[in-house]
Amino acid sequence: LPISEWKNRLINDFEKPVFALYPEIESIKSSLYENGAVYASLSGTGSSVFGFFPRNSNPRIPFPQEYLTWLI
């Protein structure tokens, strides 16, 4: 499937328990979607949260300074 169809089809089972313990992580994922991500998820068991954005987009998400962020 194209990435644009992943949002409601690919589910990381660890998200529910991780988000229950750490709601700020769920907030990060929500911020990615609110700022234009076509797909966002917890990676594996939660070492990071990532989002895929449309090509040539330049999302500016105001995460706290202590968060490690980068654009690839």
PDB file of N, CA and C in Angstrom:
ATOM      1  N   LEU A   1       0.830  -1.196   0.000  1.00  0.00           N
ATOM      2  CA  LEU A   1       0.000   0.000   0.000  1.00  0.00           C
ATOM      3  C   LEU A   1       0.867   1.249   0.000  1.00  0.00           C
ATOM      4  N   PRO A   2       0.379   2.322  -0.592  1.00  0.00           N
ATOM      5  CA  PRO A   2       1.116   3.581  -0.489  1.00  0.00           C
ATOM      6  C   PRO A   2       1.092   4.105   0.947  1.00  0.00           C
ATOM      7  N   ILE A   3       2.105   4.839   1.320  1.00  0.00           N
ATOM      8  CA  ILE A   3       2.210   5.363   2.690  1.00  0.00           C
ATOM      9  C   ILE A   3       0.955   6.133   3.094  1.00  0.00           C
ATOM     10  N   SER A   4       0.344   6.817   2.160  1.00  0.00           N
ATOM     11  CA  SER A   4      -0.846   7.608   2.481  1.00  0.00           C
ATOM     12  C   SER A   4      -2.002   6.754   3.002  1.00  0.00           C
ATOM     13  N   GLU A   5      -1.940   5.446   2.831  1.00  0.00           N
ATOM     14  CA  GLU A   5      -2.989   4.546   3.308  1.00  0.00           C
ATOM     15  C   GLU A   5      -2.602   3.777   4.575  1.00  0.00           C
ATOM     16  N   TRP A   6      -1.429   4.014   5.108  1.00  0.00           N
ATOM     17  CA  TRP A   6      -0.959   3.276   6.284  1.00  0.00           C
ATOM     18  C   TRP A   6      -1.637   3.696   7.574  1.00  0.00           C
ATOM     19  N   LYS A   7      -2.051   4.962   7.688  1.00  0.00           N
ATOM     20  CA  LYS A   7      -2.501   5.533   8.963  1.00  0.00           C
ATOM     21  C   LYS A   7      -3.494   4.648   9.722  1.00  0.00           C
ATOM     22  N   ASN A   8      -4.503   4.174   9.090  1.00  0.00           N
ATOM     23  CA  ASN A   8      -5.518   3.383   9.792  1.00  0.00           C
ATOM     24  C   ASN A   8      -5.372   1.883   9.568  1.00  0.00           C
ATOM     25  N   ARG A   9      -4.258   1.470   8.960  1.00  0.00           N
ATOM     26  CA  ARG A   9      -4.061   0.051   8.674  1.00  0.00           C
ATOM     27  C   ARG A   9      -2.872  -0.569   9.402  1.00  0.00           C
ATOM     28  N   LEU A  10      -1.793   0.194   9.547  1.00  0.00           N
ATOM     29  CA  LEU A  10      -0.614  -0.324  10.243  1.00  0.00           C
ATOM     30  C   LEU A  10      -0.652   0.140  11.693  1.00  0.00           C
ATOM     31  N   ILE A  11      -0.684  -0.793  12.586  1.00  0.00           N
ATOM     32  CA  ILE A  11      -0.794  -0.487  14.012  1.00  0.00           C
ATOM     33  C   ILE A  11       0.381  -1.115  14.759  1.00  0.00           C
ATOM     34  N   ASN A  12       1.023  -0.332  15.603  1.00  0.00           N
ATOM     35  CA  ASN A  12       2.064  -0.857  16.479  1.00  0.00           C
ATOM     36  C   ASN A  12       1.387  -1.205  17.804  1.00  0.00           C
ATOM     37  N   ASP A  13       1.331  -2.480  18.141  1.00  0.00           N
ATOM     38  CA  ASP A  13       0.648  -2.933  19.357  1.00  0.00           C
ATOM     39  C   ASP A  13       1.239  -2.358  20.638  1.00  0.00           C
ATOM     40  N   PHE A  14       2.463  -1.893  20.592  1.00  0.00           N
ATOM     41  CA  PHE A  14       3.079  -1.322  21.789  1.00  0.00           C
ATOM     42  C   PHE A  14       2.601   0.097  22.081  1.00  0.00           C
ATOM     43  N   GLU A  15       2.001   0.751  21.096  1.00  0.00           N
ATOM     44  CA  GLU A  15       1.583   2.131  21.310  1.00  0.00           C
ATOM     45  C   GLU A  15       0.589   2.271  22.469  1.00  0.00           C
ATOM     46  N   LYS A  16      -0.407   1.427  22.517  1.00  0.00           N
ATOM     47  CA  LYS A  16      -1.431   1.565  23.563  1.00  0.00           C
ATOM     48  C   LYS A  16      -0.832   1.525  24.973  1.00  0.00           C
ATOM     49  N   PRO A  17      -0.029   0.506  25.331  1.00  0.00           N
ATOM     50  CA  PRO A  17       0.535   0.511  26.687  1.00  0.00           C
ATOM     51  C   PRO A  17       1.572   1.613  26.916  1.00  0.00           C
ATOM     52  N   VAL A  18       2.366   1.929  25.893  1.00  0.00           N
ATOM     53  CA  VAL A  18       3.362   2.993  26.044  1.00  0.00           C
ATOM     54  C   VAL A  18       2.669   4.339  26.236  1.00  0.00           C
ATOM     55  N   PHE A  19       1.640   4.625  25.431  1.00  0.00           N
ATOM     56  CA  PHE A  19       0.915   5.887  25.546  1.00  0.00           C
ATOM     57  C   PHE A  19       0.204   6.000  26.895  1.00  0.00           C
ATOM     58  N   ALA A  20      -0.256   4.874  27.432  1.00  0.00           N
ATOM     59  CA  ALA A  20      -0.915   4.899  28.747  1.00  0.00           C
ATOM     60  C   ALA A  20       0.077   5.314  29.841  1.00  0.00           C
ATOM     61  N   LEU A  21       1.312   4.844  29.737  1.00  0.00           N
ATOM     62  CA  LEU A  21       2.335   5.183  30.729  1.00  0.00           C
ATOM     63  C   LEU A  21       2.980   6.533  30.470  1.00  0.00           C
ATOM     64  N   TYR A  22       3.090   6.907  29.203  1.00  0.00           N
ATOM     65  CA  TYR A  22       3.787   8.136  28.811  1.00  0.00           C
ATOM     66  C   TYR A  22       2.942   8.927  27.817  1.00  0.00           C
ATOM     67  N   PRO A  23       1.921   9.630  28.292  1.00  0.00           N
ATOM     68  CA  PRO A  23       1.032  10.364  27.371  1.00  0.00           C
ATOM     69  C   PRO A  23       1.753  11.410  26.528  1.00  0.00           C
ATOM     70  N   GLU A  24       2.903  11.881  26.972  1.00  0.00           N
ATOM     71  CA  GLU A  24       3.633  12.864  26.166  1.00  0.00           C
ATOM     72  C   GLU A  24       4.121  12.251  24.852  1.00  0.00           C
ATOM     73  N   ILE A  25       4.338  10.937  24.835  1.00  0.00           N
ATOM     74  CA  ILE A  25       4.747  10.271  23.596  1.00  0.00           C
ATOM     75  C   ILE A  25       3.577  10.244  22.612  1.00  0.00           C
ATOM     76  N   GLU A  26       2.390  10.006  23.113  1.00  0.00           N
ATOM     77  CA  GLU A  26       1.205  10.065  22.253  1.00  0.00           C
ATOM     78  C   GLU A  26       1.026  11.482  21.697  1.00  0.00           C
ATOM     79  N   SER A  27       1.328  12.468  22.514  1.00  0.00           N
ATOM     80  CA  SER A  27       1.240  13.858  22.082  1.00  0.00           C
ATOM     81  C   SER A  27       2.219  14.157  20.943  1.00  0.00           C
ATOM     82  N   ILE A  28       3.391  13.560  20.996  1.00  0.00           N
ATOM     83  CA  ILE A  28       4.373  13.736  19.918  1.00  0.00           C
ATOM     84  C   ILE A  28       3.809  13.183  18.613  1.00  0.00           C
ATOM     85  N   LYS A  29       3.252  11.981  18.680  1.00  0.00           N
ATOM     86  CA  LYS A  29       2.672  11.377  17.473  1.00  0.00           C
ATOM     87  C   LYS A  29       1.548  12.259  16.938  1.00  0.00           C
ATOM     88  N   SER A  30       0.697  12.756  17.798  1.00  0.00           N
ATOM     89  CA  SER A  30      -0.389  13.641  17.375  1.00  0.00           C
ATOM     90  C   SER A  30       0.151  14.907  16.718  1.00  0.00           C
ATOM     91  N   SER A  31       1.216  15.463  17.280  1.00  0.00           N
ATOM     92  CA  SER A  31       1.828  16.670  16.711  1.00  0.00           C
ATOM     93  C   SER A  31       2.338  16.423  15.294  1.00  0.00           C
ATOM     94  N   LEU A  32       2.880  15.253  15.070  1.00  0.00           N
ATOM     95  CA  LEU A  32       3.355  14.929  13.727  1.00  0.00           C
ATOM     96  C   LEU A  32       2.200  14.960  12.731  1.00  0.00           C
ATOM     97  N   TYR A  33       1.077  14.327  13.089  1.00  0.00           N
ATOM     98  CA  TYR A  33      -0.096  14.338  12.211  1.00  0.00           C
ATOM     99  C   TYR A  33      -0.660  15.752  12.054  1.00  0.00           C
ATOM    100  N   GLU A  34      -0.727  16.492  13.132  1.00  0.00           N
ATOM    101  CA  GLU A  34      -1.270  17.855  13.073  1.00  0.00           C
ATOM    102  C   GLU A  34      -0.436  18.763  12.175  1.00  0.00           C
ATOM    103  N   ASN A  35       0.821  18.405  11.985  1.00  0.00           N
ATOM    104  CA  ASN A  35       1.722  19.221  11.171  1.00  0.00           C
ATOM    105  C   ASN A  35       1.983  18.632   9.791  1.00  0.00           C
ATOM    106  N   GLY A  36       1.116  17.719   9.366  1.00  0.00           N
ATOM    107  CA  GLY A  36       1.159  17.252   7.985  1.00  0.00           C
ATOM    108  C   GLY A  36       1.727  15.885   7.700  1.00  0.00           C
ATOM    109  N   ALA A  37       2.084  15.109   8.721  1.00  0.00           N
ATOM    110  CA  ALA A  37       2.602  13.760   8.456  1.00  0.00           C
ATOM    111  C   ALA A  37       1.517  12.919   7.782  1.00  0.00           C
ATOM    112  N   VAL A  38       1.930  12.109   6.822  1.00  0.00           N
ATOM    113  CA  VAL A  38       0.975  11.189   6.202  1.00  0.00           C
ATOM    114  C   VAL A  38       0.940   9.864   6.965  1.00  0.00           C
ATOM    115  N   TYR A  39       1.989   9.610   7.753  1.00  0.00           N
ATOM    116  CA  TYR A  39       2.016   8.444   8.633  1.00  0.00           C
ATOM    117  C   TYR A  39       2.966   8.735   9.780  1.00  0.00           C
ATOM    118  N   ALA A  40       2.589   8.317  10.974  1.00  0.00           N
ATOM    119  CA  ALA A  40       3.435   8.461  12.160  1.00  0.00           C
ATOM    120  C   ALA A  40       3.250   7.240  13.035  1.00  0.00           C
ATOM    121  N   SER A  41       4.308   6.868  13.750  1.00  0.00           N
ATOM    122  CA  SER A  41       4.228   5.669  14.588  1.00  0.00           C
ATOM    123  C   SER A  41       5.357   5.659  15.611  1.00  0.00           C
ATOM    124  N   LEU A  42       5.160   4.842  16.609  1.00  0.00           N
ATOM    125  CA  LEU A  42       6.202   4.492  17.551  1.00  0.00           C
ATOM    126  C   LEU A  42       7.094   3.496  16.812  1.00  0.00           C
ATOM    127  N   SER A  43       8.395   3.625  16.918  1.00  0.00           N
ATOM    128  CA  SER A  43       9.260   2.651  16.258  1.00  0.00           C
ATOM    129  C   SER A  43       9.469   1.465  17.182  1.00  0.00           C
ATOM    130  N   GLY A  44       9.228   0.296  16.674  1.00  0.00           N
ATOM    131  CA  GLY A  44       9.431  -0.925  17.455  1.00  0.00           C
ATOM    132  C   GLY A  44       8.768  -0.868  18.815  1.00  0.00           C
ATOM    133  N   THR A  45       9.565  -1.037  19.872  1.00  0.00           N
ATOM    134  CA  THR A  45       9.024  -1.012  21.229  1.00  0.00           C
ATOM    135  C   THR A  45       9.133   0.366  21.860  1.00  0.00           C
ATOM    136  N   GLY A  46       9.423   1.366  21.069  1.00  0.00           N
ATOM    137  CA  GLY A  46       9.322   2.723  21.572  1.00  0.00           C
ATOM    138  C   GLY A  46      10.585   3.511  21.754  1.00  0.00           C
ATOM    139  N   SER A  47      11.638   3.169  21.036  1.00  0.00           N
ATOM    140  CA  SER A  47      12.856   3.967  21.187  1.00  0.00           C
ATOM    141  C   SER A  47      12.710   5.341  20.539  1.00  0.00           C
ATOM    142  N   SER A  48      11.744   5.468  19.631  1.00  0.00           N
ATOM    143  CA  SER A  48      11.513   6.765  18.990  1.00  0.00           C
ATOM    144  C   SER A  48      10.116   6.814  18.380  1.00  0.00           C
ATOM    145  N   VAL A  49       9.729   8.015  17.975  1.00  0.00           N
ATOM    146  CA  VAL A  49       8.494   8.239  17.237  1.00  0.00           C
ATOM    147  C   VAL A  49       8.926   8.887  15.933  1.00  0.00           C
ATOM    148  N   PHE A  50       8.343   8.454  14.827  1.00  0.00           N
ATOM    149  CA  PHE A  50       8.734   9.004  13.537  1.00  0.00           C
ATOM    150  C   PHE A  50       7.506   9.357  12.723  1.00  0.00           C
ATOM    151  N   GLY A  51       7.713  10.220  11.749  1.00  0.00           N
ATOM    152  CA  GLY A  51       6.634  10.585  10.845  1.00  0.00           C
ATOM    153  C   GLY A  51       7.153  10.728   9.438  1.00  0.00           C
ATOM    154  N   PHE A  52       6.329  10.326   8.482  1.00  0.00           N
ATOM    155  CA  PHE A  52       6.628  10.525   7.067  1.00  0.00           C
ATOM    156  C   PHE A  52       5.811  11.719   6.583  1.00  0.00           C
ATOM    157  N   PHE A  53       6.471  12.638   5.924  1.00  0.00           N
ATOM    158  CA  PHE A  53       5.831  13.848   5.411  1.00  0.00           C
ATOM    159  C   PHE A  53       5.927  13.855   3.893  1.00  0.00           C
ATOM    160  N   PRO A  54       5.029  14.584   3.238  1.00  0.00           N
ATOM    161  CA  PRO A  54       5.118  14.671   1.780  1.00  0.00           C
ATOM    162  C   PRO A  54       6.474  15.237   1.358  1.00  0.00           C
ATOM    163  N   ARG A  55       6.943  14.773   0.220  1.00  0.00           N
ATOM    164  CA  ARG A  55       8.211  15.253  -0.332  1.00  0.00           C
ATOM    165  C   ARG A  55       8.166  16.773  -0.471  1.00  0.00           C
ATOM    166  N   ASN A  56       9.278  17.398  -0.207  1.00  0.00           N
ATOM    167  CA  ASN A  56       9.433  18.852  -0.295  1.00  0.00           C
ATOM    168  C   ASN A  56       8.653  19.630   0.760  1.00  0.00           C
ATOM    169  N   SER A  57       8.061  18.952   1.736  1.00  0.00           N
ATOM    170  CA  SER A  57       7.436  19.691   2.829  1.00  0.00           C
ATOM    171  C   SER A  57       8.534  20.048   3.824  1.00  0.00           C
ATOM    172  N   ASN A  58       8.298  21.041   4.621  1.00  0.00           N
ATOM    173  CA  ASN A  58       9.290  21.487   5.589  1.00  0.00           C
ATOM    174  C   ASN A  58       8.583  21.727   6.919  1.00  0.00           C
ATOM    175  N   PRO A  59       8.196  20.634   7.605  1.00  0.00           N
ATOM    176  CA  PRO A  59       7.441  20.807   8.844  1.00  0.00           C
ATOM    177  C   PRO A  59       8.248  21.528   9.920  1.00  0.00           C
ATOM    178  N   ARG A  60       7.625  22.438  10.595  1.00  0.00           N
ATOM    179  CA  ARG A  60       8.238  23.177  11.708  1.00  0.00           C
ATOM    180  C   ARG A  60       7.407  22.885  12.955  1.00  0.00           C
ATOM    181  N   ILE A  61       7.812  21.875  13.682  1.00  0.00           N
ATOM    182  CA  ILE A  61       7.058  21.448  14.855  1.00  0.00           C
ATOM    183  C   ILE A  61       7.797  21.944  16.094  1.00  0.00           C
ATOM    184  N   PRO A  62       7.133  22.711  16.937  1.00  0.00           N
ATOM    185  CA  PRO A  62       7.807  23.316  18.088  1.00  0.00           C
ATOM    186  C   PRO A  62       7.991  22.347  19.265  1.00  0.00           C
ATOM    187  N   PHE A  63       8.829  21.328  19.070  1.00  0.00           N
ATOM    188  CA  PHE A  63       9.110  20.405  20.154  1.00  0.00           C
ATOM    189  C   PHE A  63      10.047  21.069  21.161  1.00  0.00           C
ATOM    190  N   PRO A  64       9.997  20.641  22.422  1.00  0.00           N
ATOM    191  CA  PRO A  64      10.919  21.190  23.423  1.00  0.00           C
ATOM    192  C   PRO A  64      12.380  20.988  23.005  1.00  0.00           C
ATOM    193  N   GLN A  65      13.242  21.883  23.429  1.00  0.00           N
ATOM    194  CA  GLN A  65      14.656  21.834  23.063  1.00  0.00           C
ATOM    195  C   GLN A  65      15.336  20.533  23.442  1.00  0.00           C
ATOM    196  N   GLU A  66      14.892  19.892  24.526  1.00  0.00           N
ATOM    197  CA  GLU A  66      15.572  18.672  24.969  1.00  0.00           C
ATOM    198  C   GLU A  66      15.227  17.444  24.106  1.00  0.00           C
ATOM    199  N   TYR A  67      14.263  17.583  23.184  1.00  0.00           N
ATOM    200  CA  TYR A  67      13.924  16.487  22.284  1.00  0.00           C
ATOM    201  C   TYR A  67      14.948  16.441  21.166  1.00  0.00           C
ATOM    202  N   LEU A  68      15.395  15.247  20.819  1.00  0.00           N
ATOM    203  CA  LEU A  68      16.289  15.063  19.686  1.00  0.00           C
ATOM    204  C   LEU A  68      15.424  14.926  18.438  1.00  0.00           C
ATOM    205  N   THR A  69      15.563  15.855  17.528  1.00  0.00           N
ATOM    206  CA  THR A  69      14.771  15.820  16.296  1.00  0.00           C
ATOM    207  C   THR A  69      15.682  16.020  15.102  1.00  0.00           C
ATOM    208  N   TRP A  70      15.306  15.452  13.974  1.00  0.00           N
ATOM    209  CA  TRP A  70      16.029  15.721  12.741  1.00  0.00           C
ATOM    210  C   TRP A  70      15.142  15.391  11.553  1.00  0.00           C
ATOM    211  N   LEU A  71      15.460  16.033  10.461  1.00  0.00           N
ATOM    212  CA  LEU A  71      14.782  15.833   9.179  1.00  0.00           C
ATOM    213  C   LEU A  71      15.734  15.096   8.263  1.00  0.00           C
ATOM    214  N   ILE A  72      15.236  14.096   7.608  1.00  0.00           N
ATOM    215  CA  ILE A  72      16.059  13.338   6.651  1.00  0.00           C
ATOM    216  C   ILE A  72      15.501  13.569   5.266  1.00  0.00           C
TER     217      ILE A  72
END
